[in-house]
Structures are given as structure tokens and as C-alpha cells.
Protein backbone atom coordinates (compact mmCIF):
# COMPACT_ATOMS: atom_id res chain seq x y z
CA MET A 1 0.00 0.00 0.00
CA GLN A 2 1.34 3.42 -0.86
CA LEU A 3 1.91 6.28 1.51
CA GLY A 4 -1.28 8.28 1.98
CA GLN A 5 -3.51 5.35 1.11
CA MET A 6 -3.61 3.72 4.50
CA HIS A 7 -5.69 4.92 7.38
CA ALA A 8 -3.30 4.14 10.18
CA GLY A 9 -0.24 2.12 10.92
CA ARG A 10 3.35 2.18 11.90
CA VAL A 11 6.01 0.09 10.28
CA MET A 12 9.50 -0.51 11.56
CA LYS A 13 12.03 -2.50 9.60
CA PHE A 14 14.87 -4.31 11.28
CA THR A 15 17.94 -5.91 9.79
CA SER A 16 19.35 -7.41 12.97
CA ALA A 17 18.62 -8.15 16.61
CA LYS A 18 20.93 -5.24 17.43
CA ASP A 19 18.50 -2.88 15.64
CA ILE A 20 15.64 -4.19 17.78
CA LYS A 21 17.58 -3.65 20.99
CA ALA A 22 18.55 -0.13 19.93
CA LYS A 23 14.90 0.77 19.27
CA ALA A 24 13.39 -1.10 22.22
CA ALA A 25 12.07 2.04 23.94
CA THR A 26 10.32 3.21 20.76
CA ILE A 27 8.84 -0.23 20.14
CA LYS A 28 7.48 -0.39 23.71
CA ALA A 29 6.00 3.11 23.37
CA TYR A 30 4.26 2.12 20.13
CA VAL A 31 2.84 -1.03 21.71
CA ARG A 32 1.59 0.90 24.77
CA GLU A 33 0.00 3.50 22.48
CA ALA A 34 -1.69 0.78 20.39
CA ILE A 35 -3.08 -0.86 23.55
CA ALA A 36 -4.44 2.49 24.78
CA VAL A 37 -6.09 3.18 21.42
CA GLU A 38 -7.65 -0.28 21.38
CA LYS A 39 -8.93 0.04 24.97
CA ALA A 40 -10.41 3.47 24.21
CA GLY A 41 -12.23 1.99 21.23
CA LEU A 42 -10.92 4.65 18.88
CA ARG A 43 -11.43 4.05 15.18
CA MET A 44 -10.34 5.86 12.03
CA LYS A 45 -13.14 7.41 10.02
CA GLN A 46 -13.42 5.51 6.76
CA LYS A 47 -12.64 7.59 3.70
CA ARG A 48 -15.50 7.75 1.24
CA THR A 49 -14.82 7.61 -2.47
CA SER A 50 -16.71 10.88 -2.88
CA ASP A 51 -14.19 12.57 -0.54
CA LEU A 52 -11.29 11.90 -2.93
CA PRO A 53 -10.28 14.57 -5.44
CA VAL A 54 -11.05 13.76 -9.08
CA PRO A 55 -8.21 14.84 -11.40
CA GLU A 56 -9.35 17.45 -13.91
CA GLU A 57 -8.17 15.20 -16.75
CA LEU A 58 -10.61 12.52 -15.61
CA THR A 59 -13.42 15.07 -15.29
CA GLU A 60 -12.67 16.19 -18.85
CA GLN A 61 -12.73 12.57 -20.07
CA PHE A 62 -16.12 12.12 -18.37
CA ARG A 63 -17.41 15.24 -20.14
CA ARG A 64 -16.19 14.00 -23.55
CA ASP A 65 -17.43 10.43 -23.11
CA PRO A 66 -20.60 9.97 -21.00
CA ARG A 67 -20.44 6.18 -21.59
CA PHE A 68 -17.03 6.13 -19.91
CA LYS A 69 -18.39 8.14 -16.96
CA ARG A 70 -21.25 5.64 -16.52
CA ALA A 71 -18.79 2.72 -16.70
CA PHE A 72 -16.57 4.35 -14.05
CA GLU A 73 -19.55 5.06 -11.79
CA ALA A 74 -20.68 1.43 -12.17
CA LEU A 75 -17.40 0.23 -10.60
CA THR A 76 -17.42 -0.66 -6.92
CA PRO A 77 -16.29 2.16 -4.62
CA GLY A 78 -13.02 0.32 -3.93
CA ARG A 79 -12.24 0.00 -7.63
CA GLN A 80 -13.03 3.67 -8.14
CA ARG A 81 -10.67 4.62 -5.29
CA GLY A 82 -7.91 2.49 -6.79
CA TYR A 83 -8.15 4.32 -10.09
CA LEU A 84 -8.45 7.74 -8.44
CA TYR A 85 -5.30 7.11 -6.38
CA HIS A 86 -3.46 5.84 -9.47
CA PHE A 87 -4.48 8.76 -11.67
CA ALA A 88 -3.83 11.42 -9.02
CA ALA A 89 -0.38 10.02 -8.16
CA ALA A 90 0.99 11.22 -11.50
CA ARG A 91 2.60 14.63 -11.21
CA GLN A 92 2.23 15.71 -14.81
CA SER A 93 -1.01 16.17 -16.70
CA ALA A 94 0.33 14.19 -19.66
CA THR A 95 1.05 11.23 -17.39
CA ARG A 96 -2.43 11.42 -15.83
CA MET A 97 -3.96 11.44 -19.33
CA ALA A 98 -1.83 8.46 -20.39
CA ARG A 99 -2.90 6.52 -17.30
CA ILE A 100 -6.55 7.32 -17.93
CA GLU A 101 -6.31 6.29 -21.60
CA LYS A 102 -4.60 3.03 -20.66
CA ALA A 103 -7.27 2.25 -18.03
CA ILE A 104 -10.30 2.88 -20.25
CA PRO A 105 -10.63 -0.72 -21.58
CA ALA A 106 -10.40 -2.21 -18.07
CA ILE A 107 -12.94 0.26 -16.72
CA PHE A 108 -15.38 -0.64 -19.50
CA GLU A 109 -14.87 -4.30 -18.56
CA GLY A 110 -15.60 -3.49 -14.90
CA ARG A 111 -12.12 -4.45 -13.69
CA GLY A 112 -10.22 -2.69 -10.93
CA PHE A 113 -6.81 -1.08 -11.33
CA LEU A 114 -4.85 -4.09 -10.07
CA GLU A 115 -7.04 -6.81 -11.60
CA ARG A 116 -5.72 -8.91 -14.45
CA HIS A 117 -7.78 -10.20 -17.39
């Protein structure tokens, strides 16, 4: 999962037992914090697909091709989010357009971003 796509979590990578010993205080603090959060019953608010920004290139594609817009809207919310994250991750407009163009056949087939044929 890419940065910004997960609701919560902490990851620590270790390459040796020495690393674990050196970070023992931090590890214990994280575990205590996780226990406190669990006991308090705190939960992350689920992101809704409608809360995600729609790249202007995708909006333009929807305007040009209403069939494509209907096909995109027919996808499950999770599939829509996958495409929105993928399209928005591109920094340049040309790259976003290329990603959208490449995804059009899969969207018409009802497949998600990571689904194979």
C-alpha cells in the first residue's frame, strides 16, 4: 500500500537483533499506544470515495465520453478509489492522461486497477 492510502499504521524494519535492541524504547511506546487506542475503542473514520479529489483530466474525459463516466460510476467504490489514487499520483497532466487512456478498456470491462484479465 502506498503512503497516503492507508488509514493508520506504523512500520519498523529491522535488519538485525541489534536494531531491535537499539529501538526497544520506541517499540514499547508504540505497543503501549496501540493498547491504549484499542482500549479506548478509537477508530479511524473511513474515507469515502466521494471525498477523494477527481483529477481534472478525468473530469474532462467524463465530459467528452458519458459512456465512460457511466462505466466508471458502475465500478465498486473500492475500484473507483484504486483508479483515483493511481491517476492522481501522476505529477504531470500528460502522465495522468496516459494513465486514464490506458485504463479505459479495463474500466469498460468493470475491472479494478490491479485486476488482471
